[in-house]
């Protein structure tokens, strides 16, 4: 079954599915600033565009572009800035 997710009044949308490897989502973010909370470990890959990420206990935003990946631990919050429409892949473990 495919899950449809929508956050921040529709500015972030994703499709999710569960396989033998776990849950995965693929989505798109409109330009803006967002704060997400995690309940599981997440591995995010920018597919197209650019995200600026401030991880927990980080001191500055780090930029991630096409094909670059970052990880976020479970049970934390992190900040995201998108200056242009950006697509991503997120794997939960």
C-alpha atoms as a PDB file:
ATOM      1  CA  UNK A   1       0.000   0.000   0.000  1.00  0.00           C
ATOM      2  CA  UNK A   2       1.229   3.510  -0.815  1.00  0.00           C
ATOM      3  CA  UNK A   3       0.858   6.192   1.875  1.00  0.00           C
ATOM      4  CA  UNK A   4       0.364   9.841   0.950  1.00  0.00           C
ATOM      5  CA  UNK A   5       1.911  12.336   3.401  1.00  0.00           C
ATOM      6  CA  UNK A   6       1.444  16.089   3.484  1.00  0.00           C
ATOM      7  CA  UNK A   7       3.070  18.583   5.859  1.00  0.00           C
ATOM      8  CA  UNK A   8       3.236  22.349   6.351  1.00  0.00           C
ATOM      9  CA  UNK A   9      -0.036  23.123   4.532  1.00  0.00           C
ATOM     10  CA  UNK A  10       1.006  21.038   1.522  1.00  0.00           C
ATOM     11  CA  UNK A  11       4.449  22.610   1.074  1.00  0.00           C
ATOM     12  CA  UNK A  12       6.046  19.193   1.715  1.00  0.00           C
ATOM     13  CA  UNK A  13       4.482  16.092   0.173  1.00  0.00           C
ATOM     14  CA  UNK A  14       5.675  12.513  -0.061  1.00  0.00           C
ATOM     15  CA  UNK A  15       4.647   9.024  -1.060  1.00  0.00           C
ATOM     16  CA  UNK A  16       5.647   6.220   1.269  1.00  0.00           C
ATOM     17  CA  UNK A  17       5.807   2.459   1.144  1.00  0.00           C
ATOM     18  CA  UNK A  18       7.100  -0.395   3.275  1.00  0.00           C
ATOM     19  CA  UNK A  19       9.292  -3.175   1.903  1.00  0.00           C
ATOM     20  CA  UNK A  20      11.317  -5.974   3.445  1.00  0.00           C
ATOM     21  CA  UNK A  21      14.061  -3.361   4.071  1.00  0.00           C
ATOM     22  CA  UNK A  22      11.739  -1.014   5.991  1.00  0.00           C
ATOM     23  CA  UNK A  23       9.821   2.188   5.330  1.00  0.00           C
ATOM     24  CA  UNK A  24      10.826   4.552   2.507  1.00  0.00           C
ATOM     25  CA  UNK A  25       9.379   7.854   1.309  1.00  0.00           C
ATOM     26  CA  UNK A  26      10.048   9.950  -1.756  1.00  0.00           C
ATOM     27  CA  UNK A  27       8.914  13.553  -1.696  1.00  0.00           C
ATOM     28  CA  UNK A  28       9.161  17.161  -2.761  1.00  0.00           C
ATOM     29  CA  UNK A  29       9.655  20.327  -0.681  1.00  0.00           C
ATOM     30  CA  UNK A  30       8.636  23.772  -1.838  1.00  0.00           C
ATOM     31  CA  UNK A  31      10.991  26.650  -0.963  1.00  0.00           C
ATOM     32  CA  UNK A  32      10.736  27.471   2.736  1.00  0.00           C
ATOM     33  CA  UNK A  33      11.987  26.711   6.228  1.00  0.00           C
ATOM     34  CA  UNK A  34      10.806  23.631   8.108  1.00  0.00           C
ATOM     35  CA  UNK A  35      11.426  21.777  11.351  1.00  0.00           C
ATOM     36  CA  UNK A  36      10.938  18.006  11.432  1.00  0.00           C
ATOM     37  CA  UNK A  37      10.856  15.528  14.295  1.00  0.00           C
ATOM     38  CA  UNK A  38      12.027  11.949  13.960  1.00  0.00           C
ATOM     39  CA  UNK A  39      10.723   8.776  15.570  1.00  0.00           C
ATOM     40  CA  UNK A  40      13.199   6.504  13.747  1.00  0.00           C
ATOM     41  CA  UNK A  41      16.706   6.813  12.342  1.00  0.00           C
ATOM     42  CA  UNK A  42      16.455   8.513   8.928  1.00  0.00           C
ATOM     43  CA  UNK A  43      18.803   8.494   5.963  1.00  0.00           C
ATOM     44  CA  UNK A  44      17.902  11.253   3.507  1.00  0.00           C
ATOM     45  CA  UNK A  45      19.238  11.667  -0.018  1.00  0.00           C
ATOM     46  CA  UNK A  46      18.656  14.816  -2.065  1.00  0.00           C
ATOM     47  CA  UNK A  47      17.527  13.672  -5.503  1.00  0.00           C
ATOM     48  CA  UNK A  48      17.296  17.048  -7.184  1.00  0.00           C
ATOM     49  CA  UNK A  49      17.744  20.555  -5.794  1.00  0.00           C
ATOM     50  CA  UNK A  50      19.384  21.631  -2.549  1.00  0.00           C
ATOM     51  CA  UNK A  51      18.607  21.417   1.158  1.00  0.00           C
ATOM     52  CA  UNK A  52      20.318  23.283   3.978  1.00  0.00           C
ATOM     53  CA  UNK A  53      20.215  21.142   7.123  1.00  0.00           C
ATOM     54  CA  UNK A  54      20.809  22.030  10.763  1.00  0.00           C
ATOM     55  CA  UNK A  55      21.195  18.783  12.667  1.00  0.00           C
ATOM     56  CA  UNK A  56      20.679  18.506  16.426  1.00  0.00           C
ATOM     57  CA  UNK A  57      23.621  20.031  18.306  1.00  0.00           C
ATOM     58  CA  UNK A  58      24.893  21.467  15.014  1.00  0.00           C
ATOM     59  CA  UNK A  59      26.258  24.983  14.955  1.00  0.00           C
ATOM     60  CA  UNK A  60      25.639  25.831  11.304  1.00  0.00           C
ATOM     61  CA  UNK A  61      23.490  24.735   8.383  1.00  0.00           C
ATOM     62  CA  UNK A  62      25.157  22.290   5.960  1.00  0.00           C
ATOM     63  CA  UNK A  63      24.251  22.194   2.263  1.00  0.00           C
ATOM     64  CA  UNK A  64      23.278  18.961   0.479  1.00  0.00           C
ATOM     65  CA  UNK A  65      22.668  18.745  -3.282  1.00  0.00           C
ATOM     66  CA  UNK A  66      21.933  16.124  -5.945  1.00  0.00           C
ATOM     67  CA  UNK A  67      22.915  12.654  -4.749  1.00  0.00           C
ATOM     68  CA  UNK A  68      24.234  13.737  -1.344  1.00  0.00           C
ATOM     69  CA  UNK A  69      23.034  11.963   1.803  1.00  0.00           C
ATOM     70  CA  UNK A  70      22.762  12.845   5.484  1.00  0.00           C
ATOM     71  CA  UNK A  71      21.547  10.919   8.536  1.00  0.00           C
ATOM     72  CA  UNK A  72      19.377  11.945  11.468  1.00  0.00           C
ATOM     73  CA  UNK A  73      19.045   9.934  14.672  1.00  0.00           C
ATOM     74  CA  UNK A  74      15.693   8.878  16.151  1.00  0.00           C
ATOM     75  CA  UNK A  75      13.743  11.085  18.567  1.00  0.00           C
ATOM     76  CA  UNK A  76      15.291  14.441  17.658  1.00  0.00           C
ATOM     77  CA  UNK A  77      14.300  17.527  15.682  1.00  0.00           C
ATOM     78  CA  UNK A  78      16.215  19.093  12.815  1.00  0.00           C
ATOM     79  CA  UNK A  79      15.782  22.208  10.670  1.00  0.00           C
ATOM     80  CA  UNK A  80      15.589  22.353   6.887  1.00  0.00           C
ATOM     81  CA  UNK A  81      15.812  25.295   4.494  1.00  0.00           C
ATOM     82  CA  UNK A  82      14.939  24.839   0.826  1.00  0.00           C
ATOM     83  CA  UNK A  83      15.637  27.780  -1.485  1.00  0.00           C
ATOM     84  CA  UNK A  84      14.164  25.991  -4.502  1.00  0.00           C
ATOM     85  CA  UNK A  85      11.806  23.082  -5.085  1.00  0.00           C
ATOM     86  CA  UNK A  86      13.739  19.980  -3.994  1.00  0.00           C
ATOM     87  CA  UNK A  87      13.050  16.250  -4.194  1.00  0.00           C
ATOM     88  CA  UNK A  88      14.350  13.707  -1.689  1.00  0.00           C
ATOM     89  CA  UNK A  89      14.405  10.037  -0.742  1.00  0.00           C
ATOM     90  CA  UNK A  90      14.140   9.087   2.931  1.00  0.00           C
ATOM     91  CA  UNK A  91      14.794   5.634   4.388  1.00  0.00           C
ATOM     92  CA  UNK A  92      13.680   4.875   7.941  1.00  0.00           C
ATOM     93  CA  UNK A  93      15.464   2.246  10.049  1.00  0.00           C
END
